[in-house]
Amino acid sequence: SCYADNPAIRGYRNFIRRHGGRECGYYRQYA
């Protein structure tokens, strides 16, 4: 998991797009 406003999320999204992954959950106001 990654916090939605973490700058690293862009790299994670690119990685799953290239390697067959997916976003499987979005938790609002999680922490």
PDB file of all heavy atoms in Angstrom:
ATOM      1  N   SER A   1       0.840  -1.190   0.000  1.00  0.00           N
ATOM      2  CA  SER A   1       0.000   0.000   0.000  1.00  0.00           C
ATOM      3  C   SER A   1       0.875   1.239   0.000  1.00  0.00           C
ATOM      4  O   SER A   1       2.068   1.184   0.321  1.00  0.00           O
ATOM      5  CB  SER A   1      -0.948  -0.005   1.206  1.00  0.00           C
ATOM      6  OG  SER A   1      -0.213  -0.009   2.399  1.00  0.00           O
ATOM      7  N   CYS A   2       0.244   2.334  -0.366  1.00  0.00           N
ATOM      8  CA  CYS A   2       0.952   3.619  -0.449  1.00  0.00           C
ATOM      9  C   CYS A   2      -0.055   4.725  -0.167  1.00  0.00           C
ATOM     10  O   CYS A   2      -1.202   4.640  -0.616  1.00  0.00           O
ATOM     11  CB  CYS A   2       1.535   3.768  -1.862  1.00  0.00           C
ATOM     12  SG  CYS A   2       2.410   5.312  -2.149  1.00  0.00           S
ATOM     13  N   TYR A   3       0.354   5.729   0.563  1.00  0.00           N
ATOM     14  CA  TYR A   3      -0.531   6.869   0.773  1.00  0.00           C
ATOM     15  C   TYR A   3      -0.707   7.607  -0.546  1.00  0.00           C
ATOM     16  O   TYR A   3       0.239   7.773  -1.319  1.00  0.00           O
ATOM     17  CB  TYR A   3       0.004   7.791   1.869  1.00  0.00           C
ATOM     18  CG  TYR A   3      -0.067   7.101   3.206  1.00  0.00           C
ATOM     19  CD1 TYR A   3       1.075   6.629   3.823  1.00  0.00           C
ATOM     20  CD2 TYR A   3      -1.297   6.865   3.809  1.00  0.00           C
ATOM     21  CE1 TYR A   3       0.994   5.944   5.022  1.00  0.00           C
ATOM     22  CE2 TYR A   3      -1.385   6.184   5.002  1.00  0.00           C
ATOM     23  CZ  TYR A   3      -0.244   5.728   5.604  1.00  0.00           C
ATOM     24  OH  TYR A   3      -0.320   5.033   6.779  1.00  0.00           O
ATOM     25  N   ALA A   4      -1.937   8.024  -0.800  1.00  0.00           N
ATOM     26  CA  ALA A   4      -2.302   8.583  -2.099  1.00  0.00           C
ATOM     27  C   ALA A   4      -1.510   9.834  -2.456  1.00  0.00           C
ATOM     28  O   ALA A   4      -1.295  10.106  -3.636  1.00  0.00           O
ATOM     29  CB  ALA A   4      -3.801   8.880  -2.140  1.00  0.00           C
ATOM     30  N   ASP A   5      -1.061  10.577  -1.468  1.00  0.00           N
ATOM     31  CA  ASP A   5      -0.301  11.792  -1.768  1.00  0.00           C
ATOM     32  C   ASP A   5       1.213  11.614  -1.591  1.00  0.00           C
ATOM     33  O   ASP A   5       1.968  12.578  -1.638  1.00  0.00           O
ATOM     34  CB  ASP A   5      -0.803  12.978  -0.946  1.00  0.00           C
ATOM     35  CG  ASP A   5      -1.050  12.662   0.515  1.00  0.00           C
ATOM     36  OD1 ASP A   5      -0.951  11.476   0.900  1.00  0.00           O
ATOM     37  OD2 ASP A   5      -1.353  13.587   1.274  1.00  0.00           O
ATOM     38  N   ASN A   6       1.660  10.379  -1.460  1.00  0.00           N
ATOM     39  CA  ASN A   6       3.093  10.069  -1.427  1.00  0.00           C
ATOM     40  C   ASN A   6       3.634  10.206  -2.854  1.00  0.00           C
ATOM     41  O   ASN A   6       3.093   9.591  -3.780  1.00  0.00           O
ATOM     42  CB  ASN A   6       3.295   8.633  -0.920  1.00  0.00           C
ATOM     43  CG  ASN A   6       4.743   8.235  -0.806  1.00  0.00           C
ATOM     44  OD1 ASN A   6       5.628   8.834  -1.396  1.00  0.00           O
ATOM     45  ND2 ASN A   6       4.981   7.179  -0.054  1.00  0.00           N
ATOM     46  N   PRO A   7       4.684  10.986  -3.062  1.00  0.00           N
ATOM     47  CA  PRO A   7       5.231  11.130  -4.419  1.00  0.00           C
ATOM     48  C   PRO A   7       5.635   9.795  -5.060  1.00  0.00           C
ATOM     49  O   PRO A   7       5.631   9.675  -6.286  1.00  0.00           O
ATOM     50  CB  PRO A   7       6.454  12.026  -4.214  1.00  0.00           C
ATOM     51  CG  PRO A   7       6.182  12.777  -2.947  1.00  0.00           C
ATOM     52  CD  PRO A   7       5.373  11.845  -2.092  1.00  0.00           C
ATOM     53  N   ALA A   8       5.932   8.781  -4.265  1.00  0.00           N
ATOM     54  CA  ALA A   8       6.329   7.474  -4.801  1.00  0.00           C
ATOM     55  C   ALA A   8       5.183   6.772  -5.523  1.00  0.00           C
ATOM     56  O   ALA A   8       5.424   5.842  -6.304  1.00  0.00           O
ATOM     57  CB  ALA A   8       6.858   6.586  -3.683  1.00  0.00           C
ATOM     58  N   ILE A   9       3.960   7.202  -5.305  1.00  0.00           N
ATOM     59  CA  ILE A   9       2.819   6.505  -5.904  1.00  0.00           C
ATOM     60  C   ILE A   9       2.875   6.530  -7.431  1.00  0.00           C
ATOM     61  O   ILE A   9       2.432   5.586  -8.093  1.00  0.00           O
ATOM     62  CB  ILE A   9       1.469   7.054  -5.377  1.00  0.00           C
ATOM     63  CG1 ILE A   9       0.370   6.015  -5.614  1.00  0.00           C
ATOM     64  CG2 ILE A   9       1.139   8.392  -6.011  1.00  0.00           C
ATOM     65  CD1 ILE A   9      -0.909   6.301  -4.845  1.00  0.00           C
ATOM     66  N   ARG A  10       3.435   7.572  -7.987  1.00  0.00           N
ATOM     67  CA  ARG A  10       3.562   7.652  -9.452  1.00  0.00           C
ATOM     68  C   ARG A  10       4.409   6.486  -9.986  1.00  0.00           C
ATOM     69  O   ARG A  10       4.044   5.828 -10.950  1.00  0.00           O
ATOM     70  CB  ARG A  10       4.184   8.989  -9.843  1.00  0.00           C
ATOM     71  CG  ARG A  10       4.311   9.174 -11.317  1.00  0.00           C
ATOM     72  CD  ARG A  10       4.769  10.601 -11.640  1.00  0.00           C
ATOM     73  NE  ARG A  10       5.076  10.680 -13.034  1.00  0.00           N
ATOM     74  CZ  ARG A  10       6.217  11.096 -13.523  1.00  0.00           C
ATOM     75  NH1 ARG A  10       7.171  11.518 -12.723  1.00  0.00           N
ATOM     76  NH2 ARG A  10       6.421  11.138 -14.807  1.00  0.00           N
ATOM     77  N   GLY A  11       5.520   6.208  -9.316  1.00  0.00           N
ATOM     78  CA  GLY A  11       6.375   5.090  -9.705  1.00  0.00           C
ATOM     79  C   GLY A  11       5.678   3.753  -9.532  1.00  0.00           C
ATOM     80  O   GLY A  11       5.815   2.856 -10.368  1.00  0.00           O
ATOM     81  N   TYR A  12       4.895   3.599  -8.455  1.00  0.00           N
ATOM     82  CA  TYR A  12       4.164   2.351  -8.233  1.00  0.00           C
ATOM     83  C   TYR A  12       3.112   2.133  -9.321  1.00  0.00           C
ATOM     84  O   TYR A  12       2.943   1.019  -9.817  1.00  0.00           O
ATOM     85  CB  TYR A  12       3.498   2.341  -6.858  1.00  0.00           C
ATOM     86  CG  TYR A  12       4.461   2.406  -5.696  1.00  0.00           C
ATOM     87  CD1 TYR A  12       4.116   3.034  -4.521  1.00  0.00           C
ATOM     88  CD2 TYR A  12       5.728   1.832  -5.774  1.00  0.00           C
ATOM     89  CE1 TYR A  12       4.985   3.085  -3.441  1.00  0.00           C
ATOM     90  CE2 TYR A  12       6.611   1.881  -4.712  1.00  0.00           C
ATOM     91  CZ  TYR A  12       6.224   2.513  -3.547  1.00  0.00           C
ATOM     92  OH  TYR A  12       7.092   2.565  -2.491  1.00  0.00           O
ATOM     93  N   ARG A  13       2.425   3.204  -9.682  1.00  0.00           N
ATOM     94  CA  ARG A  13       1.413   3.073 -10.745  1.00  0.00           C
ATOM     95  C   ARG A  13       2.061   2.724 -12.079  1.00  0.00           C
ATOM     96  O   ARG A  13       1.533   1.906 -12.832  1.00  0.00           O
ATOM     97  CB  ARG A  13       0.585   4.345 -10.836  1.00  0.00           C
ATOM     98  CG  ARG A  13      -0.397   4.466  -9.690  1.00  0.00           C
ATOM     99  CD  ARG A  13      -1.248   5.707  -9.763  1.00  0.00           C
ATOM    100  NE  ARG A  13      -2.353   5.589  -8.829  1.00  0.00           N
ATOM    101  CZ  ARG A  13      -2.827   6.602  -8.112  1.00  0.00           C
ATOM    102  NH1 ARG A  13      -2.303   7.815  -8.229  1.00  0.00           N
ATOM    103  NH2 ARG A  13      -3.836   6.414  -7.294  1.00  0.00           N
ATOM    104  N   ASN A  14       3.172   3.332 -12.377  1.00  0.00           N
ATOM    105  CA  ASN A  14       3.890   2.981 -13.616  1.00  0.00           C
ATOM    106  C   ASN A  14       4.349   1.531 -13.582  1.00  0.00           C
ATOM    107  O   ASN A  14       4.270   0.819 -14.580  1.00  0.00           O
ATOM    108  CB  ASN A  14       5.095   3.898 -13.831  1.00  0.00           C
ATOM    109  CG  ASN A  14       4.700   5.292 -14.254  1.00  0.00           C
ATOM    110  OD1 ASN A  14       3.623   5.504 -14.801  1.00  0.00           O
ATOM    111  ND2 ASN A  14       5.554   6.258 -13.978  1.00  0.00           N
ATOM    112  N   PHE A  15       4.822   1.087 -12.421  1.00  0.00           N
ATOM    113  CA  PHE A  15       5.323  -0.279 -12.292  1.00  0.00           C
ATOM    114  C   PHE A  15       4.213  -1.302 -12.531  1.00  0.00           C
ATOM    115  O   PHE A  15       4.394  -2.260 -13.275  1.00  0.00           O
ATOM    116  CB  PHE A  15       5.959  -0.485 -10.914  1.00  0.00           C
ATOM    117  CG  PHE A  15       6.660  -1.796 -10.780  1.00  0.00           C
ATOM    118  CD1 PHE A  15       7.950  -1.951 -11.256  1.00  0.00           C
ATOM    119  CD2 PHE A  15       6.032  -2.889 -10.207  1.00  0.00           C
ATOM    120  CE1 PHE A  15       8.608  -3.168 -11.158  1.00  0.00           C
ATOM    121  CE2 PHE A  15       6.673  -4.111 -10.102  1.00  0.00           C
ATOM    122  CZ  PHE A  15       7.964  -4.249 -10.586  1.00  0.00           C
ATOM    123  N   ILE A  16       3.058  -1.113 -11.905  1.00  0.00           N
ATOM    124  CA  ILE A  16       1.986  -2.092 -12.095  1.00  0.00           C
ATOM    125  C   ILE A  16       1.441  -2.053 -13.521  1.00  0.00           C
ATOM    126  O   ILE A  16       1.031  -3.079 -14.054  1.00  0.00           O
ATOM    127  CB  ILE A  16       0.850  -1.948 -11.066  1.00  0.00           C
ATOM    128  CG1 ILE A  16       0.170  -0.598 -11.186  1.00  0.00           C
ATOM    129  CG2 ILE A  16       1.359  -2.212  -9.667  1.00  0.00           C
ATOM    130  CD1 ILE A  16      -1.182  -0.519 -10.502  1.00  0.00           C
ATOM    131  N   ARG A  17       1.452  -0.896 -14.133  1.00  0.00           N
ATOM    132  CA  ARG A  17       0.988  -0.790 -15.519  1.00  0.00           C
ATOM    133  C   ARG A  17       1.899  -1.607 -16.443  1.00  0.00           C
ATOM    134  O   ARG A  17       1.438  -2.294 -17.337  1.00  0.00           O
ATOM    135  CB  ARG A  17       0.933   0.680 -15.940  1.00  0.00           C
ATOM    136  CG  ARG A  17       0.232   0.929 -17.243  1.00  0.00           C
ATOM    137  CD  ARG A  17      -0.007   2.405 -17.585  1.00  0.00           C
ATOM    138  NE  ARG A  17       0.856   3.397 -16.978  1.00  0.00           N
ATOM    139  CZ  ARG A  17       0.533   4.159 -15.920  1.00  0.00           C
ATOM    140  NH1 ARG A  17      -0.635   4.024 -15.332  1.00  0.00           N
ATOM    141  NH2 ARG A  17       1.374   5.051 -15.444  1.00  0.00           N
ATOM    142  N   ARG A  18       3.200  -1.544 -16.207  1.00  0.00           N
ATOM    143  CA  ARG A  18       4.165  -2.272 -17.039  1.00  0.00           C
ATOM    144  C   ARG A  18       4.248  -3.754 -16.714  1.00  0.00           C
ATOM    145  O   ARG A  18       4.663  -4.547 -17.558  1.00  0.00           O
ATOM    146  CB  ARG A  18       5.556  -1.660 -16.878  1.00  0.00           C
ATOM    147  CG  ARG A  18       5.787  -0.464 -17.777  1.00  0.00           C
ATOM    148  CD  ARG A  18       7.215   0.027 -17.656  1.00  0.00           C
ATOM    149  NE  ARG A  18       7.153   1.157 -16.730  1.00  0.00           N
ATOM    150  CZ  ARG A  18       8.031   1.435 -15.800  1.00  0.00           C
ATOM    151  NH1 ARG A  18       9.088   0.688 -15.638  1.00  0.00           N
ATOM    152  NH2 ARG A  18       7.877   2.468 -15.016  1.00  0.00           N
ATOM    153  N   HIS A  19       3.880  -4.126 -15.498  1.00  0.00           N
ATOM    154  CA  HIS A  19       4.125  -5.502 -15.058  1.00  0.00           C
ATOM    155  C   HIS A  19       2.868  -6.277 -14.683  1.00  0.00           C
ATOM    156  O   HIS A  19       2.956  -7.278 -13.964  1.00  0.00           O
ATOM    157  CB  HIS A  19       5.117  -5.508 -13.900  1.00  0.00           C
ATOM    158  CG  HIS A  19       6.455  -4.982 -14.288  1.00  0.00           C
ATOM    159  ND1 HIS A  19       7.332  -5.686 -15.079  1.00  0.00           N
ATOM    160  CD2 HIS A  19       7.051  -3.790 -14.030  1.00  0.00           C
ATOM    161  CE1 HIS A  19       8.417  -4.964 -15.275  1.00  0.00           C
ATOM    162  NE2 HIS A  19       8.274  -3.810 -14.647  1.00  0.00           N
ATOM    163  N   GLY A  20       1.721  -5.846 -15.165  1.00  0.00           N
ATOM    164  CA  GLY A  20       0.515  -6.639 -15.014  1.00  0.00           C
ATOM    165  C   GLY A  20      -0.189  -6.557 -13.677  1.00  0.00           C
ATOM    166  O   GLY A  20      -1.052  -7.368 -13.391  1.00  0.00           O
ATOM    167  N   GLY A  21       0.135  -5.591 -12.859  1.00  0.00           N
ATOM    168  CA  GLY A  21      -0.528  -5.473 -11.564  1.00  0.00           C
ATOM    169  C   GLY A  21      -1.760  -4.611 -11.648  1.00  0.00           C
ATOM    170  O   GLY A  21      -2.210  -4.230 -12.732  1.00  0.00           O
ATOM    171  N   ARG A  22      -2.316  -4.322 -10.491  1.00  0.00           N
ATOM    172  CA  ARG A  22      -3.500  -3.464 -10.459  1.00  0.00           C
ATOM    173  C   ARG A  22      -3.634  -2.777  -9.105  1.00  0.00           C
ATOM    174  O   ARG A  22      -3.065  -3.227  -8.103  1.00  0.00           O
ATOM    175  CB  ARG A  22      -4.751  -4.262 -10.768  1.00  0.00           C
ATOM    176  CG  ARG A  22      -5.131  -5.244  -9.688  1.00  0.00           C
ATOM    177  CD  ARG A  22      -6.328  -6.090 -10.094  1.00  0.00           C
ATOM    178  NE  ARG A  22      -6.725  -6.916  -8.984  1.00  0.00           N
ATOM    179  CZ  ARG A  22      -7.899  -6.812  -8.356  1.00  0.00           C
ATOM    180  NH1 ARG A  22      -8.767  -5.914  -8.733  1.00  0.00           N
ATOM    181  NH2 ARG A  22      -8.170  -7.608  -7.348  1.00  0.00           N
ATOM    182  N   GLU A  23      -4.372  -1.697  -9.104  1.00  0.00           N
ATOM    183  CA  GLU A  23      -4.807  -1.080  -7.866  1.00  0.00           C
ATOM    184  C   GLU A  23      -6.029  -1.862  -7.428  1.00  0.00           C
ATOM    185  O   GLU A  23      -6.985  -1.991  -8.178  1.00  0.00           O
ATOM    186  CB  GLU A  23      -5.172   0.392  -8.075  1.00  0.00           C
ATOM    187  CG  GLU A  23      -3.983   1.270  -8.304  1.00  0.00           C
ATOM    188  CD  GLU A  23      -4.340   2.750  -8.377  1.00  0.00           C
ATOM    189  OE1 GLU A  23      -5.298   3.192  -7.688  1.00  0.00           O
ATOM    190  OE2 GLU A  23      -3.661   3.461  -9.126  1.00  0.00           O
ATOM    191  N   CYS A  24      -5.993  -2.399  -6.235  1.00  0.00           N
ATOM    192  CA  CYS A  24      -7.099  -3.259  -5.811  1.00  0.00           C
ATOM    193  C   CYS A  24      -7.881  -2.700  -4.634  1.00  0.00           C
ATOM    194  O   CYS A  24      -8.801  -3.342  -4.144  1.00  0.00           O
ATOM    195  CB  CYS A  24      -6.590  -4.665  -5.506  1.00  0.00           C
ATOM    196  SG  CYS A  24      -5.301  -4.715  -4.276  1.00  0.00           S
ATOM    197  N   GLY A  25      -7.522  -1.515  -4.185  1.00  0.00           N
ATOM    198  CA  GLY A  25      -8.268  -0.915  -3.091  1.00  0.00           C
ATOM    199  C   GLY A  25      -7.908   0.537  -2.892  1.00  0.00           C
ATOM    200  O   GLY A  25      -6.778   0.955  -3.177  1.00  0.00           O
ATOM    201  N   TYR A  26      -8.869   1.305  -2.456  1.00  0.00           N
ATOM    202  CA  TYR A  26      -8.652   2.707  -2.138  1.00  0.00           C
ATOM    203  C   TYR A  26      -9.364   2.962  -0.812  1.00  0.00           C
ATOM    204  O   TYR A  26     -10.569   2.762  -0.699  1.00  0.00           O
ATOM    205  CB  TYR A  26      -9.212   3.617  -3.236  1.00  0.00           C
ATOM    206  CG  TYR A  26      -8.733   5.043  -3.111  1.00  0.00           C
ATOM    207  CD1 TYR A  26      -7.642   5.491  -3.844  1.00  0.00           C
ATOM    208  CD2 TYR A  26      -9.354   5.938  -2.252  1.00  0.00           C
ATOM    209  CE1 TYR A  26      -7.191   6.796  -3.728  1.00  0.00           C
ATOM    210  CE2 TYR A  26      -8.900   7.233  -2.129  1.00  0.00           C
ATOM    211  CZ  TYR A  26      -7.826   7.655  -2.865  1.00  0.00           C
ATOM    212  OH  TYR A  26      -7.365   8.953  -2.745  1.00  0.00           O
ATOM    213  N   TYR A  27      -8.598   3.345   0.191  1.00  0.00           N
ATOM    214  CA  TYR A  27      -9.148   3.573   1.510  1.00  0.00           C
ATOM    215  C   TYR A  27      -9.083   5.058   1.835  1.00  0.00           C
ATOM    216  O   TYR A  27      -7.991   5.626   1.903  1.00  0.00           O
ATOM    217  CB  TYR A  27      -8.362   2.770   2.556  1.00  0.00           C
ATOM    218  CG  TYR A  27      -8.331   1.299   2.230  1.00  0.00           C
ATOM    219  CD1 TYR A  27      -7.258   0.745   1.550  1.00  0.00           C
ATOM    220  CD2 TYR A  27      -9.398   0.480   2.571  1.00  0.00           C
ATOM    221  CE1 TYR A  27      -7.239  -0.604   1.218  1.00  0.00           C
ATOM    222  CE2 TYR A  27      -9.384  -0.866   2.251  1.00  0.00           C
ATOM    223  CZ  TYR A  27      -8.309  -1.400   1.578  1.00  0.00           C
ATOM    224  OH  TYR A  27      -8.304  -2.725   1.260  1.00  0.00           O
ATOM    225  N   ARG A  28     -10.256   5.653   2.027  1.00  0.00           N
ATOM    226  CA  ARG A  28     -10.311   7.089   2.289  1.00  0.00           C
ATOM    227  C   ARG A  28     -10.048   7.381   3.762  1.00  0.00           C
ATOM    228  O   ARG A  28     -10.459   6.623   4.631  1.00  0.00           O
ATOM    229  CB  ARG A  28     -11.674   7.638   1.874  1.00  0.00           C
ATOM    230  CG  ARG A  28     -11.901   7.459   0.374  1.00  0.00           C
ATOM    231  CD  ARG A  28     -13.221   7.969  -0.112  1.00  0.00           C
ATOM    232  NE  ARG A  28     -14.305   7.340   0.609  1.00  0.00           N
ATOM    233  CZ  ARG A  28     -15.486   7.925   0.807  1.00  0.00           C
ATOM    234  NH1 ARG A  28     -15.736   9.130   0.331  1.00  0.00           N
ATOM    235  NH2 ARG A  28     -16.430   7.300   1.475  1.00  0.00           N
ATOM    236  N   GLN A  29      -9.328   8.476   3.993  1.00  0.00           N
ATOM    237  CA  GLN A  29      -9.007   8.934   5.348  1.00  0.00           C
ATOM    238  C   GLN A  29      -8.525   7.774   6.221  1.00  0.00           C
ATOM    239  O   GLN A  29      -8.984   7.550   7.323  1.00  0.00           O
ATOM    240  CB  GLN A  29     -10.203   9.636   5.973  1.00  0.00           C
ATOM    241  CG  GLN A  29     -10.617  10.855   5.192  1.00  0.00           C
ATOM    242  CD  GLN A  29     -11.800  11.570   5.798  1.00  0.00           C
ATOM    243  OE1 GLN A  29     -12.275  11.238   6.878  1.00  0.00           O
ATOM    244  NE2 GLN A  29     -12.274  12.592   5.106  1.00  0.00           N
ATOM    245  N   TYR A  30      -7.549   7.066   5.719  1.00  0.00           N
ATOM    246  CA  TYR A  30      -7.070   5.821   6.315  1.00  0.00           C
ATOM    247  C   TYR A  30      -6.211   6.026   7.560  1.00  0.00           C
ATOM    248  O   TYR A  30      -6.288   5.251   8.494  1.00  0.00           O
ATOM    249  CB  TYR A  30      -6.285   5.047   5.255  1.00  0.00           C
ATOM    250  CG  TYR A  30      -5.794   3.711   5.706  1.00  0.00           C
ATOM    251  CD1 TYR A  30      -6.670   2.632   5.816  1.00  0.00           C
ATOM    252  CD2 TYR A  30      -4.462   3.508   6.025  1.00  0.00           C
ATOM    253  CE1 TYR A  30      -6.230   1.392   6.228  1.00  0.00           C
ATOM    254  CE2 TYR A  30      -4.012   2.264   6.442  1.00  0.00           C
ATOM    255  CZ  TYR A  30      -4.903   1.213   6.544  1.00  0.00           C
ATOM    256  OH  TYR A  30      -4.471  -0.009   6.953  1.00  0.00           O
ATOM    257  N   ALA A  31      -5.359   7.048   7.552  1.00  0.00           N
ATOM    258  CA  ALA A  31      -4.443   7.230   8.681  1.00  0.00           C
ATOM    259  C   ALA A  31      -4.114   8.707   8.878  1.00  0.00           C
ATOM    260  O   ALA A  31      -4.002   9.462   7.923  1.00  0.00           O
ATOM    261  CB  ALA A  31      -3.152   6.452   8.444  1.00  0.00           C
TER     262      ALA A  31
END
